[in-house]
PDB file of N, CA and C in Angstrom:
ATOM      1  N   MET A   1      46.941   2.279 107.948  1.00  0.00           N
ATOM      2  CA  MET A   1      48.384   2.344 107.965  1.00  0.00           C
ATOM      3  C   MET A   1      48.859   3.599 108.695  1.00  0.00           C
ATOM      4  N   LYS A   2      48.047   4.081 109.599  1.00  0.00           N
ATOM      5  CA  LYS A   2      48.422   5.262 110.369  1.00  0.00           C
ATOM      6  C   LYS A   2      49.413   4.866 111.445  1.00  0.00           C
ATOM      7  N   SER A   3      50.424   5.688 111.612  1.00  0.00           N
ATOM      8  CA  SER A   3      51.430   5.411 112.634  1.00  0.00           C
ATOM      9  C   SER A   3      51.052   6.139 113.918  1.00  0.00           C
ATOM     10  N   ALA A   4      51.940   6.922 114.468  1.00  0.00           N
ATOM     11  CA  ALA A   4      51.699   7.622 115.727  1.00  0.00           C
ATOM     12  C   ALA A   4      50.483   8.543 115.606  1.00  0.00           C
ATOM     13  N   HIS A   5      49.816   8.761 116.747  1.00  0.00           N
ATOM     14  CA  HIS A   5      48.635   9.622 116.779  1.00  0.00           C
ATOM     15  C   HIS A   5      49.037  11.052 116.433  1.00  0.00           C
ATOM     16  N   ASN A   6      48.408  11.603 115.421  1.00  0.00           N
ATOM     17  CA  ASN A   6      48.659  12.959 114.970  1.00  0.00           C
ATOM     18  C   ASN A   6      47.295  13.608 114.718  1.00  0.00           C
ATOM     19  N   PRO A   7      46.844  14.502 115.609  1.00  0.00           N
ATOM     20  CA  PRO A   7      45.509  15.086 115.462  1.00  0.00           C
ATOM     21  C   PRO A   7      45.274  15.779 114.123  1.00  0.00           C
ATOM     22  N   LEU A   8      46.272  16.497 113.613  1.00  0.00           N
ATOM     23  CA  LEU A   8      46.132  17.172 112.334  1.00  0.00           C
ATOM     24  C   LEU A   8      45.912  16.152 111.223  1.00  0.00           C
ATOM     25  N   ARG A   9      46.747  15.148 111.200  1.00  0.00           N
ATOM     26  CA  ARG A   9      46.636  14.103 110.184  1.00  0.00           C
ATOM     27  C   ARG A   9      45.287  13.386 110.295  1.00  0.00           C
ATOM     28  N   ASP A  10      44.881  13.094 111.525  1.00  0.00           N
ATOM     29  CA  ASP A  10      43.590  12.441 111.731  1.00  0.00           C
ATOM     30  C   ASP A  10      42.457  13.295 111.179  1.00  0.00           C
ATOM     31  N   GLN A  11      42.532  14.611 111.404  1.00  0.00           N
ATOM     32  CA  GLN A  11      41.481  15.502 110.918  1.00  0.00           C
ATOM     33  C   GLN A  11      41.479  15.562 109.388  1.00  0.00           C
ATOM     34  N   VAL A  12      42.656  15.566 108.770  1.00  0.00           N
ATOM     35  CA  VAL A  12      42.735  15.553 107.302  1.00  0.00           C
ATOM     36  C   VAL A  12      42.104  14.269 106.772  1.00  0.00           C
ATOM     37  N   PHE A  13      42.455  13.140 107.368  1.00  0.00           N
ATOM     38  CA  PHE A  13      41.897  11.858 106.915  1.00  0.00           C
ATOM     39  C   PHE A  13      40.376  11.839 107.105  1.00  0.00           C
ATOM     40  N   HIS A  14      39.907  12.366 108.235  1.00  0.00           N
ATOM     41  CA  HIS A  14      38.473  12.409 108.498  1.00  0.00           C
ATOM     42  C   HIS A  14      37.764  13.293 107.470  1.00  0.00           C
ATOM     43  N   THR A  15      38.339  14.474 107.195  1.00  0.00           N
ATOM     44  CA  THR A  15      37.749  15.404 106.230  1.00  0.00           C
ATOM     45  C   THR A  15      37.702  14.792 104.838  1.00  0.00           C
ATOM     46  N   LEU A  16      38.806  14.164 104.425  1.00  0.00           N
ATOM     47  CA  LEU A  16      38.836  13.525 103.105  1.00  0.00           C
ATOM     48  C   LEU A  16      37.864  12.352 103.038  1.00  0.00           C
ATOM     49  N   GLY A  17      37.839  11.537 104.090  1.00  0.00           N
ATOM     50  CA  GLY A  17      36.925  10.397 104.127  1.00  0.00           C
ATOM     51  C   GLY A  17      35.478  10.833 104.042  1.00  0.00           C
ATOM     52  N   LYS A  18      35.137  11.885 104.769  1.00  0.00           N
ATOM     53  CA  LYS A  18      33.771  12.411 104.753  1.00  0.00           C
ATOM     54  C   LYS A  18      33.421  12.909 103.352  1.00  0.00           C
ATOM     55  N   TYR A  19      34.330  13.680 102.741  1.00  0.00           N
ATOM     56  CA  TYR A  19      34.082  14.208 101.407  1.00  0.00           C
ATOM     57  C   TYR A  19      33.947  13.080 100.381  1.00  0.00           C
ATOM     58  N   LEU A  20      34.826  12.094 100.477  1.00  0.00           N
ATOM     59  CA  LEU A  20      34.831  10.986  99.510  1.00  0.00           C
ATOM     60  C   LEU A  20      33.805   9.903  99.835  1.00  0.00           C
ATOM     61  N   ARG A  21      33.151  10.049 100.997  1.00  0.00           N
ATOM     62  CA  ARG A  21      32.184   9.052 101.465  1.00  0.00           C
ATOM     63  C   ARG A  21      32.820   7.665 101.542  1.00  0.00           C
ATOM     64  N   MET A  22      33.964   7.649 102.202  1.00  0.00           N
ATOM     65  CA  MET A  22      34.655   6.381 102.411  1.00  0.00           C
ATOM     66  C   MET A  22      35.290   6.375 103.796  1.00  0.00           C
ATOM     67  N   ASP A  23      35.597   5.194 104.272  1.00  0.00           N
ATOM     68  CA  ASP A  23      36.203   5.030 105.590  1.00  0.00           C
ATOM     69  C   ASP A  23      37.603   5.646 105.574  1.00  0.00           C
ATOM     70  N   PRO A  24      37.878   6.620 106.451  1.00  0.00           N
ATOM     71  CA  PRO A  24      39.211   7.233 106.487  1.00  0.00           C
ATOM     72  C   PRO A  24      40.336   6.212 106.710  1.00  0.00           C
ATOM     73  N   ALA A  25      40.023   5.086 107.337  1.00  0.00           N
ATOM     74  CA  ALA A  25      41.041   4.057 107.576  1.00  0.00           C
ATOM     75  C   ALA A  25      41.527   3.434 106.268  1.00  0.00           C
ATOM     76  N   ARG A  26      40.756   3.574 105.201  1.00  0.00           N
ATOM     77  CA  ARG A  26      41.168   3.033 103.898  1.00  0.00           C
ATOM     78  C   ARG A  26      42.131   3.963 103.163  1.00  0.00           C
ATOM     79  N   LEU A  27      42.226   5.186 103.622  1.00  0.00           N
ATOM     80  CA  LEU A  27      43.109   6.155 102.971  1.00  0.00           C
ATOM     81  C   LEU A  27      44.550   5.949 103.428  1.00  0.00           C
ATOM     82  N   ARG A  28      45.481   6.198 102.503  1.00  0.00           N
ATOM     83  CA  ARG A  28      46.910   6.107 102.815  1.00  0.00           C
ATOM     84  C   ARG A  28      47.567   7.441 102.503  1.00  0.00           C
ATOM     85  N   PRO A  29      48.612   7.785 103.253  1.00  0.00           N
ATOM     86  CA  PRO A  29      49.291   9.071 103.030  1.00  0.00           C
ATOM     87  C   PRO A  29      49.795   9.250 101.601  1.00  0.00           C
ATOM     88  N   ASP A  30      50.206   8.170 100.952  1.00  0.00           N
ATOM     89  CA  ASP A  30      50.751   8.291  99.603  1.00  0.00           C
ATOM     90  C   ASP A  30      49.693   8.183  98.505  1.00  0.00           C
ATOM     91  N   ASP A  31      48.406   8.146  98.876  1.00  0.00           N
ATOM     92  CA  ASP A  31      47.336   8.131  97.873  1.00  0.00           C
ATOM     93  C   ASP A  31      47.373   9.434  97.082  1.00  0.00           C
ATOM     94  N   SER A  32      47.365   9.297  95.763  1.00  0.00           N
ATOM     95  CA  SER A  32      47.303  10.451  94.876  1.00  0.00           C
ATOM     96  C   SER A  32      45.869  10.954  94.834  1.00  0.00           C
ATOM     97  N   LEU A  33      45.700  12.257  94.980  1.00  0.00           N
ATOM     98  CA  LEU A  33      44.353  12.827  94.956  1.00  0.00           C
ATOM     99  C   LEU A  33      43.672  12.558  93.619  1.00  0.00           C
ATOM    100  N   ARG A  34      44.418  12.616  92.549  1.00  0.00           N
ATOM    101  CA  ARG A  34      43.844  12.434  91.221  1.00  0.00           C
ATOM    102  C   ARG A  34      43.835  10.960  90.813  1.00  0.00           C
ATOM    103  N   ASP A  35      44.980  10.302  90.865  1.00  0.00           N
ATOM    104  CA  ASP A  35      45.077   8.943  90.329  1.00  0.00           C
ATOM    105  C   ASP A  35      44.437   7.888  91.236  1.00  0.00           C
ATOM    106  N   ASP A  36      44.725   7.946  92.540  1.00  0.00           N
ATOM    107  CA  ASP A  36      44.208   6.928  93.458  1.00  0.00           C
ATOM    108  C   ASP A  36      42.783   7.221  93.927  1.00  0.00           C
ATOM    109  N   LEU A  37      42.502   8.496  94.169  1.00  0.00           N
ATOM    110  CA  LEU A  37      41.181   8.857  94.684  1.00  0.00           C
ATOM    111  C   LEU A  37      40.229   9.295  93.578  1.00  0.00           C
ATOM    112  N   GLY A  38      40.763   9.512  92.370  1.00  0.00           N
ATOM    113  CA  GLY A  38      39.936   9.796  91.202  1.00  0.00           C
ATOM    114  C   GLY A  38      39.291  11.166  91.172  1.00  0.00           C
ATOM    115  N   LEU A  39      39.895  12.147  91.829  1.00  0.00           N
ATOM    116  CA  LEU A  39      39.307  13.486  91.844  1.00  0.00           C
ATOM    117  C   LEU A  39      39.542  14.197  90.519  1.00  0.00           C
ATOM    118  N   ASP A  40      38.469  14.776  89.966  1.00  0.00           N
ATOM    119  CA  ASP A  40      38.632  15.605  88.771  1.00  0.00           C
ATOM    120  C   ASP A  40      38.769  17.063  89.226  1.00  0.00           C
ATOM    121  N   SER A  41      38.822  17.988  88.292  1.00  0.00           N
ATOM    122  CA  SER A  41      39.053  19.397  88.635  1.00  0.00           C
ATOM    123  C   SER A  41      37.965  19.963  89.546  1.00  0.00           C
ATOM    124  N   LEU A  42      36.709  19.715  89.244  1.00  0.00           N
ATOM    125  CA  LEU A  42      35.613  20.223  90.061  1.00  0.00           C
ATOM    126  C   LEU A  42      35.649  19.619  91.462  1.00  0.00           C
ATOM    127  N   GLN A  43      35.906  18.331  91.552  1.00  0.00           N
ATOM    128  CA  GLN A  43      35.984  17.682  92.860  1.00  0.00           C
ATOM    129  C   GLN A  43      37.157  18.221  93.672  1.00  0.00           C
ATOM    130  N   THR A  44      38.239  18.545  93.001  1.00  0.00           N
ATOM    131  CA  THR A  44      39.394  19.116  93.690  1.00  0.00           C
ATOM    132  C   THR A  44      39.035  20.470  94.290  1.00  0.00           C
ATOM    133  N   ILE A  45      38.287  21.283  93.541  1.00  0.00           N
ATOM    134  CA  ILE A  45      37.852  22.587  94.044  1.00  0.00           C
ATOM    135  C   ILE A  45      36.931  22.395  95.247  1.00  0.00           C
ATOM    136  N   GLU A  46      36.020  21.434  95.154  1.00  0.00           N
ATOM    137  CA  GLU A  46      35.121  21.151  96.274  1.00  0.00           C
ATOM    138  C   GLU A  46      35.912  20.674  97.499  1.00  0.00           C
ATOM    139  N   LEU A  47      36.912  19.842  97.255  1.00  0.00           N
ATOM    140  CA  LEU A  47      37.741  19.339  98.347  1.00  0.00           C
ATOM    141  C   LEU A  47      38.513  20.483  99.007  1.00  0.00           C
ATOM    142  N   VAL A  48      39.030  21.410  98.208  1.00  0.00           N
ATOM    143  CA  VAL A  48      39.724  22.582  98.760  1.00  0.00           C
ATOM    144  C   VAL A  48      38.777  23.321  99.694  1.00  0.00           C
ATOM    145  N   TYR A  49      37.531  23.505  99.275  1.00  0.00           N
ATOM    146  CA  TYR A  49      36.555  24.192 100.115  1.00  0.00           C
ATOM    147  C   TYR A  49      36.346  23.432 101.423  1.00  0.00           C
ATOM    148  N   GLU A  50      36.234  22.121 101.363  1.00  0.00           N
ATOM    149  CA  GLU A  50      36.040  21.304 102.563  1.00  0.00           C
ATOM    150  C   GLU A  50      37.235  21.437 103.518  1.00  0.00           C
ATOM    151  N   VAL A  51      38.430  21.388 102.978  1.00  0.00           N
ATOM    152  CA  VAL A  51      39.642  21.501 103.799  1.00  0.00           C
ATOM    153  C   VAL A  51      39.727  22.904 104.396  1.00  0.00           C
ATOM    154  N   GLU A  52      39.436  23.932 103.580  1.00  0.00           N
ATOM    155  CA  GLU A  52      39.458  25.300 104.087  1.00  0.00           C
ATOM    156  C   GLU A  52      38.454  25.472 105.230  1.00  0.00           C
ATOM    157  N   SER A  53      37.267  24.906 105.066  1.00  0.00           N
ATOM    158  CA  SER A  53      36.241  25.002 106.108  1.00  0.00           C
ATOM    159  C   SER A  53      36.664  24.259 107.371  1.00  0.00           C
ATOM    160  N   ALA A  54      37.204  23.067 107.198  1.00  0.00           N
ATOM    161  CA  ALA A  54      37.604  22.249 108.343  1.00  0.00           C
ATOM    162  C   ALA A  54      38.737  22.888 109.139  1.00  0.00           C
ATOM    163  N   PHE A  55      39.631  23.597 108.452  1.00  0.00           N
ATOM    164  CA  PHE A  55      40.804  24.168 109.117  1.00  0.00           C
ATOM    165  C   PHE A  55      40.737  25.692 109.241  1.00  0.00           C
ATOM    166  N   ASP A  56      39.622  26.288 108.830  1.00  0.00           N
ATOM    167  CA  ASP A  56      39.399  27.716 108.951  1.00  0.00           C
ATOM    168  C   ASP A  56      40.566  28.535 108.385  1.00  0.00           C
ATOM    169  N   LEU A  57      40.885  28.250 107.118  1.00  0.00           N
ATOM    170  CA  LEU A  57      41.910  29.017 106.429  1.00  0.00           C
ATOM    171  C   LEU A  57      41.617  29.019 104.945  1.00  0.00           C
ATOM    172  N   GLN A  58      42.328  29.857 104.211  1.00  0.00           N
ATOM    173  CA  GLN A  58      42.182  29.907 102.764  1.00  0.00           C
ATOM    174  C   GLN A  58      43.452  29.373 102.130  1.00  0.00           C
ATOM    175  N   ILE A  59      43.257  28.546 101.105  1.00  0.00           N
ATOM    176  CA  ILE A  59      44.386  27.955 100.392  1.00  0.00           C
ATOM    177  C   ILE A  59      44.435  28.571  99.000  1.00  0.00           C
ATOM    178  N   PRO A  60      45.482  29.323  98.691  1.00  0.00           N
ATOM    179  CA  PRO A  60      45.610  29.881  97.340  1.00  0.00           C
ATOM    180  C   PRO A  60      45.683  28.763  96.296  1.00  0.00           C
ATOM    181  N   ASP A  61      45.120  29.014  95.118  1.00  0.00           N
ATOM    182  CA  ASP A  61      45.108  28.010  94.052  1.00  0.00           C
ATOM    183  C   ASP A  61      46.502  27.465  93.761  1.00  0.00           C
ATOM    184  N   GLU A  62      47.487  28.356  93.730  1.00  0.00           N
ATOM    185  CA  GLU A  62      48.842  27.912  93.406  1.00  0.00           C
ATOM    186  C   GLU A  62      49.401  26.966  94.460  1.00  0.00           C
ATOM    187  N   ASP A  63      48.953  27.109  95.706  1.00  0.00           N
ATOM    188  CA  ASP A  63      49.404  26.192  96.755  1.00  0.00           C
ATOM    189  C   ASP A  63      48.750  24.830  96.612  1.00  0.00           C
ATOM    190  N   PHE A  64      47.440  24.813  96.379  1.00  0.00           N
ATOM    191  CA  PHE A  64      46.763  23.526  96.301  1.00  0.00           C
ATOM    192  C   PHE A  64      47.204  22.744  95.073  1.00  0.00           C
ATOM    193  N   SER A  65      47.561  23.432  93.997  1.00  0.00           N
ATOM    194  CA  SER A  65      47.985  22.731  92.784  1.00  0.00           C
ATOM    195  C   SER A  65      49.271  21.937  93.004  1.00  0.00           C
ATOM    196  N   ARG A  66      50.038  22.282  94.047  1.00  0.00           N
ATOM    197  CA  ARG A  66      51.276  21.542  94.353  1.00  0.00           C
ATOM    198  C   ARG A  66      51.014  20.297  95.194  1.00  0.00           C
ATOM    199  N   MET A  67      49.808  20.186  95.730  1.00  0.00           N
ATOM    200  CA  MET A  67      49.480  19.042  96.588  1.00  0.00           C
ATOM    201  C   MET A  67      48.983  17.883  95.735  1.00  0.00           C
ATOM    202  N   GLN A  68      49.801  16.863  95.652  1.00  0.00           N
ATOM    203  CA  GLN A  68      49.472  15.717  94.815  1.00  0.00           C
ATOM    204  C   GLN A  68      48.956  14.530  95.618  1.00  0.00           C
ATOM    205  N   THR A  69      49.388  14.395  96.870  1.00  0.00           N
ATOM    206  CA  THR A  69      49.010  13.248  97.703  1.00  0.00           C
ATOM    207  C   THR A  69      48.369  13.737  99.005  1.00  0.00           C
ATOM    208  N   ILE A  70      47.788  12.799  99.731  1.00  0.00           N
ATOM    209  CA  ILE A  70      47.214  13.142 101.031  1.00  0.00           C
ATOM    210  C   ILE A  70      48.303  13.675 101.958  1.00  0.00           C
ATOM    211  N   GLN A  71      49.479  13.074 101.919  1.00  0.00           N
ATOM    212  CA  GLN A  71      50.583  13.544 102.774  1.00  0.00           C
ATOM    213  C   GLN A  71      50.981  14.966 102.413  1.00  0.00           C
ATOM    214  N   ASP A  72      50.908  15.329 101.132  1.00  0.00           N
ATOM    215  CA  ASP A  72      51.190  16.703 100.734  1.00  0.00           C
ATOM    216  C   ASP A  72      50.217  17.671 101.418  1.00  0.00           C
ATOM    217  N   VAL A  73      48.952  17.272 101.514  1.00  0.00           N
ATOM    218  CA  VAL A  73      47.935  18.101 102.168  1.00  0.00           C
ATOM    219  C   VAL A  73      48.259  18.242 103.657  1.00  0.00           C
ATOM    220  N   VAL A  74      48.592  17.121 104.300  1.00  0.00           N
ATOM    221  CA  VAL A  74      48.925  17.136 105.727  1.00  0.00           C
ATOM    222  C   VAL A  74      50.146  18.031 105.970  1.00  0.00           C
ATOM    223  N   THR A  75      51.179  17.879 105.170  1.00  0.00           N
ATOM    224  CA  THR A  75      52.402  18.673 105.321  1.00  0.00           C
ATOM    225  C   THR A  75      52.116  20.157 105.132  1.00  0.00           C
ATOM    226  N   TYR A  76      51.357  20.484 104.092  1.00  0.00           N
ATOM    227  CA  TYR A  76      51.013  21.885 103.821  1.00  0.00           C
ATOM    228  C   TYR A  76      50.271  22.499 105.005  1.00  0.00           C
ATOM    229  N   LEU A  77      49.243  21.798 105.481  1.00  0.00           N
ATOM    230  CA  LEU A  77      48.451  22.318 106.590  1.00  0.00           C
ATOM    231  C   LEU A  77      49.290  22.450 107.857  1.00  0.00           C
ATOM    232  N   SER A  78      50.168  21.495 108.084  1.00  0.00           N
ATOM    233  CA  SER A  78      51.045  21.549 109.249  1.00  0.00           C
ATOM    234  C   SER A  78      51.908  22.806 109.206  1.00  0.00           C
ATOM    235  N   GLU A  79      52.442  23.123 108.037  1.00  0.00           N
ATOM    236  CA  GLU A  79      53.271  24.315 107.879  1.00  0.00           C
ATOM    237  C   GLU A  79      52.451  25.590 108.037  1.00  0.00           C
ATOM    238  N   ARG A  80      51.250  25.602 107.480  1.00  0.00           N
ATOM    239  CA  ARG A  80      50.387  26.789 107.568  1.00  0.00           C
ATOM    240  C   ARG A  80      49.926  27.042 109.001  1.00  0.00           C
ATOM    241  N   ILE A  81      49.576  25.986 109.702  1.00  0.00           N
ATOM    242  CA  ILE A  81      49.048  26.125 111.053  1.00  0.00           C
ATOM    243  C   ILE A  81      50.138  26.502 112.044  1.00  0.00           C
ATOM    244  N   SER A  82      51.365  26.033 111.794  1.00  0.00           N
ATOM    245  CA  SER A  82      52.459  26.341 112.721  1.00  0.00           C
ATOM    246  C   SER A  82      52.903  27.792 112.625  1.00  0.00           C
ATOM    247  N   GLY A  83      52.420  28.525 111.625  1.00  0.00           N
ATOM    248  CA  GLY A  83      52.711  29.952 111.514  1.00  0.00           C
ATOM    249  C   GLY A  83      53.875  30.244 110.596  1.00  0.00           C
ATOM    250  N   PRO A  84      54.101  31.534 110.334  1.00  0.00           N
ATOM    251  CA  PRO A  84      55.193  31.920 109.437  1.00  0.00           C
ATOM    252  C   PRO A  84      56.551  31.645 110.059  1.00  0.00           C
ATOM    253  N   LYS A  85      57.480  31.359 109.189  1.00  0.00           N
ATOM    254  CA  LYS A  85      58.841  31.111 109.655  1.00  0.00           C
ATOM    255  C   LYS A  85      59.506  32.441 109.968  1.00  0.00           C
ATOM    256  N   PRO A  86      60.430  32.442 110.935  1.00  0.00           N
ATOM    257  CA  PRO A  86      61.106  33.700 111.277  1.00  0.00           C
ATOM    258  C   PRO A  86      61.917  34.226 110.102  1.00  0.00           C
ATOM    259  N   ALA A  87      62.095  35.525 110.090  1.00  0.00           N
ATOM    260  CA  ALA A  87      62.859  36.152 109.013  1.00  0.00           C
ATOM    261  C   ALA A  87      64.299  35.679 109.031  1.00  0.00           C
ATOM    262  N   LYS A  88      64.827  35.484 107.827  1.00  0.00           N
ATOM    263  CA  LYS A  88      66.235  35.118 107.714  1.00  0.00           C
ATOM    264  C   LYS A  88      67.039  36.402 107.646  1.00  0.00           C
ATOM    265  N   VAL A  89      68.187  36.421 108.283  1.00  0.00           N
ATOM    266  CA  VAL A  89      69.009  37.628 108.306  1.00  0.00           C
ATOM    267  C   VAL A  89      70.321  37.331 107.603  1.00  0.00           C
ATOM    268  N   ARG A  90      70.634  38.176 106.644  1.00  0.00           N
ATOM    269  CA  ARG A  90      71.925  38.064 105.954  1.00  0.00           C
ATOM    270  C   ARG A  90      72.995  38.690 106.827  1.00  0.00           C
ATOM    271  N   SER A  91      74.235  38.443 106.473  1.00  0.00           N
ATOM    272  CA  SER A  91      75.339  39.005 107.254  1.00  0.00           C
ATOM    273  C   SER A  91      75.314  40.525 107.252  1.00  0.00           C
ATOM    274  N   SER A  92      74.672  41.137 106.256  1.00  0.00           N
ATOM    275  CA  SER A  92      74.581  42.602 106.207  1.00  0.00           C
ATOM    276  C   SER A  92      73.534  43.132 107.171  1.00  0.00           C
ATOM    277  N   GLY A  93      72.755  42.204 107.776  1.00  0.00           N
ATOM    278  CA  GLY A  93      71.736  42.626 108.721  1.00  0.00           C
ATOM    279  C   GLY A  93      70.378  42.860 108.084  1.00  0.00           C
ATOM    280  N   ARG A  94      70.267  42.687 106.756  1.00  0.00           N
ATOM    281  CA  ARG A  94      69.003  42.873 106.068  1.00  0.00           C
ATOM    282  C   ARG A  94      68.199  41.580 106.102  1.00  0.00           C
ATOM    283  N   THR A  95      66.896  41.721 106.205  1.00  0.00           N
ATOM    284  CA  THR A  95      66.049  40.529 106.203  1.00  0.00           C
ATOM    285  C   THR A  95      65.818  40.071 104.773  1.00  0.00           C
ATOM    286  N   THR A  96      65.647  38.741 104.608  1.00  0.00           N
ATOM    287  CA  THR A  96      65.404  38.196 103.286  1.00  0.00           C
ATOM    288  C   THR A  96      64.029  37.560 103.178  1.00  0.00           C
ATOM    289  N   SER A  97      63.350  37.399 104.271  1.00  0.00           N
ATOM    290  CA  SER A  97      62.018  36.805 104.261  1.00  0.00           C
ATOM    291  C   SER A  97      61.049  37.755 103.578  1.00  0.00           C
ATOM    292  N   LYS A  98      60.142  37.213 102.734  1.00  0.00           N
ATOM    293  CA  LYS A  98      59.147  38.045 102.073  1.00  0.00           C
ATOM    294  C   LYS A  98      58.254  38.715 103.105  1.00  0.00           C
ATOM    295  N   THR A  99      57.912  37.988 104.154  1.00  0.00           N
ATOM    296  CA  THR A  99      57.048  38.545 105.188  1.00  0.00           C
ATOM    297  C   THR A  99      57.726  39.735 105.854  1.00  0.00           C
ATOM    298  N   ALA A 100      58.970  39.550 106.253  1.00  0.00           N
ATOM    299  CA  ALA A 100      59.690  40.625 106.924  1.00  0.00           C
ATOM    300  C   ALA A 100      59.980  41.764 105.958  1.00  0.00           C
ATOM    301  N   ALA A 101      60.319  41.435 104.711  1.00  0.00           N
ATOM    302  CA  ALA A 101      60.647  42.461 103.738  1.00  0.00           C
ATOM    303  C   ALA A 101      59.423  43.304 103.401  1.00  0.00           C
ATOM    304  N   ALA A 102      58.236  42.731 103.485  1.00  0.00           N
ATOM    305  CA  ALA A 102      57.012  43.456 103.162  1.00  0.00           C
ATOM    306  C   ALA A 102      56.605  44.411 104.273  1.00  0.00           C
ATOM    307  N   GLN A 103      57.147  44.248 105.465  1.00  0.00           N
ATOM    308  CA  GLN A 103      56.819  45.111 106.594  1.00  0.00           C
ATOM    309  C   GLN A 103      57.567  46.429 106.460  1.00  0.00           C
ATOM    310  N   PRO A 104      56.864  47.541 106.592  1.00  0.00           N
ATOM    311  CA  PRO A 104      57.576  48.821 106.525  1.00  0.00           C
ATOM    312  C   PRO A 104      58.462  48.980 107.755  1.00  0.00           C
ATOM    313  N   SER A 105      59.538  49.673 107.572  1.00  0.00           N
ATOM    314  CA  SER A 105      60.446  49.895 108.689  1.00  0.00           C
ATOM    315  C   SER A 105      59.799  50.840 109.693  1.00  0.00           C
ATOM    316  N   THR A 106      60.336  50.883 110.900  1.00  0.00           N
ATOM    317  CA  THR A 106      59.822  51.777 111.934  1.00  0.00           C
ATOM    318  C   THR A 106      59.901  53.211 111.450  1.00  0.00           C
ATOM    319  N   GLN A 107      60.996  53.539 110.776  1.00  0.00           N
ATOM    320  CA  GLN A 107      61.178  54.902 110.284  1.00  0.00           C
ATOM    321  C   GLN A 107      60.087  55.237 109.266  1.00  0.00           C
ATOM    322  N   THR A 108      59.760  54.317 108.359  1.00  0.00           N
ATOM    323  CA  THR A 108      58.727  54.540 107.358  1.00  0.00           C
ATOM    324  C   THR A 108      57.371  54.721 108.030  1.00  0.00           C
ATOM    325  N   ARG A 109      57.044  53.873 108.996  1.00  0.00           N
ATOM    326  CA  ARG A 109      55.763  53.967 109.699  1.00  0.00           C
ATOM    327  C   ARG A 109      55.653  55.303 110.425  1.00  0.00           C
ATOM    328  N   ASN A 110      56.730  55.733 111.079  1.00  0.00           N
ATOM    329  CA  ASN A 110      56.698  57.002 111.802  1.00  0.00           C
ATOM    330  C   ASN A 110      56.497  58.182 110.846  1.00  0.00           C
ATOM    331  N   THR A 111      57.134  58.116 109.684  1.00  0.00           N
ATOM    332  CA  THR A 111      56.993  59.165 108.689  1.00  0.00           C
ATOM    333  C   THR A 111      55.550  59.241 108.211  1.00  0.00           C
ATOM    334  N   LYS A 112      54.932  58.097 107.981  1.00  0.00           N
ATOM    335  CA  LYS A 112      53.546  58.050 107.523  1.00  0.00           C
ATOM    336  C   LYS A 112      52.612  58.648 108.557  1.00  0.00           C
ATOM    337  N   ARG A 113      52.872  58.385 109.831  1.00  0.00           N
ATOM    338  CA  ARG A 113      52.028  58.932 110.890  1.00  0.00           C
ATOM    339  C   ARG A 113      52.097  60.456 110.915  1.00  0.00           C
ATOM    340  N   ARG A 114      53.287  60.994 110.709  1.00  0.00           N
ATOM    341  CA  ARG A 114      53.447  62.450 110.747  1.00  0.00           C
ATOM    342  C   ARG A 114      52.753  63.110 109.571  1.00  0.00           C
ATOM    343  N   ILE A 115      52.748  62.442 108.415  1.00  0.00           N
ATOM    344  CA  ILE A 115      52.135  63.005 107.211  1.00  0.00           C
ATOM    345  C   ILE A 115      50.613  62.962 107.327  1.00  0.00           C
ATOM    346  N   SER A 116      50.086  61.933 107.932  1.00  0.00           N
ATOM    347  CA  SER A 116      48.630  61.758 108.017  1.00  0.00           C
ATOM    348  C   SER A 116      47.943  62.813 108.801  1.00  0.00           C
TER     349      SER A 116
END
């Protein structure tokens, strides 16, 4: 039931099919990892490792616990691979993105260099 060619989606289906030892063509995007595919907790951890290896990234436990279906996995990986979203700017000019907020300001970095 695959629609348009999507390399990321194809790779997810291939990885899941290989892990589950089943034909990836039998998998559907709305298949539940637990209910439809029958994964228990240990198998889910093993699957996380397989996906991390296939896509060369690490998936935090809290992120994987939100993935209930194959499409959830595809969507998550698509977002992770496309990179971080740009910082949001409030009308006051301050950034609200956690990524941007975690970055020290130029003034802070310069001060640290002088102290070192």
